[in-house]
Amino acid sequence: MQTIALSYRGAQTQVPAAWLRLHCPCEECALIDIGERRVL
């Protein structure tokens, strides 16, 4: 299963790529940057 490095409020974790696609499709709160999805 592909995971994406996620940074949120200074904490970093790995989450399934499919989870982000289903739960956070908008670009306002999720930005693709250098292979990572950073949630602001």
N, C-alpha and C. Protein backbone atom coordinates (compact mmCIF):
# COMPACT_ATOMS: atom_id res chain seq x y z
N MET A 1 0.85 -1.20 0.00
CA MET A 1 0.00 0.00 0.00
C MET A 1 0.88 1.24 0.00
N GLN A 2 0.58 2.17 -0.90
CA GLN A 2 1.37 3.40 -0.98
C GLN A 2 0.99 4.34 0.15
N THR A 3 2.01 4.91 0.78
CA THR A 3 1.75 5.88 1.84
C THR A 3 2.33 7.24 1.45
N ILE A 4 1.83 8.27 2.08
CA ILE A 4 2.29 9.63 1.81
C ILE A 4 2.77 10.24 3.13
N ALA A 5 3.92 10.89 3.07
CA ALA A 5 4.43 11.58 4.27
C ALA A 5 3.56 12.80 4.52
N LEU A 6 2.99 12.89 5.72
CA LEU A 6 2.08 13.98 6.03
C LEU A 6 2.64 14.78 7.20
N SER A 7 2.70 16.09 7.03
CA SER A 7 3.19 16.97 8.09
C SER A 7 2.04 17.84 8.57
N TYR A 8 1.74 17.77 9.86
CA TYR A 8 0.62 18.52 10.41
C TYR A 8 1.02 19.13 11.74
N ARG A 9 1.06 20.45 11.78
CA ARG A 9 1.43 21.16 13.00
C ARG A 9 2.76 20.69 13.56
N GLY A 10 3.72 20.45 12.69
CA GLY A 10 5.05 20.07 13.14
C GLY A 10 5.24 18.59 13.34
N ALA A 11 4.16 17.82 13.37
CA ALA A 11 4.28 16.37 13.54
C ALA A 11 4.25 15.69 12.18
N GLN A 12 5.10 14.68 12.00
CA GLN A 12 5.13 13.97 10.73
C GLN A 12 4.70 12.52 10.92
N THR A 13 3.95 12.01 9.96
CA THR A 13 3.48 10.64 10.02
C THR A 13 3.30 10.12 8.61
N GLN A 14 3.02 8.83 8.49
CA GLN A 14 2.76 8.22 7.19
C GLN A 14 1.30 7.77 7.16
N VAL A 15 0.60 8.17 6.12
CA VAL A 15 -0.80 7.76 5.97
C VAL A 15 -1.02 7.18 4.59
N PRO A 16 -1.99 6.28 4.43
CA PRO A 16 -2.27 5.69 3.12
C PRO A 16 -2.66 6.75 2.11
N ALA A 17 -2.13 6.65 0.90
CA ALA A 17 -2.44 7.61 -0.15
C ALA A 17 -3.93 7.62 -0.46
N ALA A 18 -4.56 6.46 -0.45
CA ALA A 18 -5.98 6.36 -0.76
C ALA A 18 -6.82 7.11 0.28
N TRP A 19 -6.36 7.11 1.54
CA TRP A 19 -7.11 7.79 2.61
C TRP A 19 -7.17 9.28 2.32
N LEU A 20 -6.03 9.85 1.92
CA LEU A 20 -6.02 11.29 1.63
C LEU A 20 -6.87 11.62 0.42
N ARG A 21 -6.83 10.76 -0.59
CA ARG A 21 -7.62 11.03 -1.79
C ARG A 21 -9.11 11.01 -1.46
N LEU A 22 -9.51 10.13 -0.56
CA LEU A 22 -10.93 10.03 -0.22
C LEU A 22 -11.37 11.13 0.74
N HIS A 23 -10.50 11.48 1.69
CA HIS A 23 -10.92 12.38 2.76
C HIS A 23 -10.49 13.83 2.57
N CYS A 24 -9.48 14.05 1.72
CA CYS A 24 -9.01 15.42 1.57
C CYS A 24 -8.69 15.71 0.11
N PRO A 25 -9.70 15.82 -0.74
CA PRO A 25 -9.48 16.04 -2.17
C PRO A 25 -9.18 17.50 -2.51
N CYS A 26 -9.49 18.42 -1.60
CA CYS A 26 -9.35 19.83 -1.94
C CYS A 26 -7.89 20.28 -1.87
N GLU A 27 -7.55 21.29 -2.64
CA GLU A 27 -6.19 21.78 -2.66
C GLU A 27 -5.97 22.88 -1.62
N GLU A 28 -7.04 23.31 -0.96
CA GLU A 28 -6.90 24.38 0.02
C GLU A 28 -6.22 23.86 1.28
N CYS A 29 -6.53 22.64 1.68
CA CYS A 29 -5.96 22.12 2.91
C CYS A 29 -4.92 21.04 2.65
N ALA A 30 -4.76 20.64 1.39
CA ALA A 30 -3.76 19.62 1.07
C ALA A 30 -3.00 20.05 -0.18
N LEU A 31 -1.69 20.21 -0.04
CA LEU A 31 -0.87 20.63 -1.16
C LEU A 31 0.17 19.58 -1.46
N ILE A 32 0.32 19.25 -2.75
CA ILE A 32 1.36 18.31 -3.16
C ILE A 32 2.66 19.08 -3.29
N ASP A 33 3.69 18.65 -2.56
CA ASP A 33 4.96 19.34 -2.61
C ASP A 33 6.10 18.35 -2.50
N ILE A 34 6.85 18.19 -3.58
CA ILE A 34 8.01 17.30 -3.61
C ILE A 34 7.62 15.89 -3.14
N GLY A 35 6.52 15.37 -3.68
CA GLY A 35 6.12 14.00 -3.37
C GLY A 35 5.44 13.85 -2.02
N GLU A 36 5.25 14.93 -1.29
CA GLU A 36 4.58 14.84 0.00
C GLU A 36 3.28 15.62 -0.07
N ARG A 37 2.33 15.19 0.71
CA ARG A 37 1.10 15.96 0.84
C ARG A 37 1.14 16.63 2.21
N ARG A 38 1.22 17.95 2.20
CA ARG A 38 1.33 18.68 3.47
C ARG A 38 -0.04 19.26 3.81
N VAL A 39 -0.56 18.88 4.95
CA VAL A 39 -1.85 19.40 5.38
C VAL A 39 -1.62 20.62 6.25
N LEU A 40 -2.15 21.77 5.82
CA LEU A 40 -1.91 23.01 6.54
C LEU A 40 -2.94 23.20 7.64
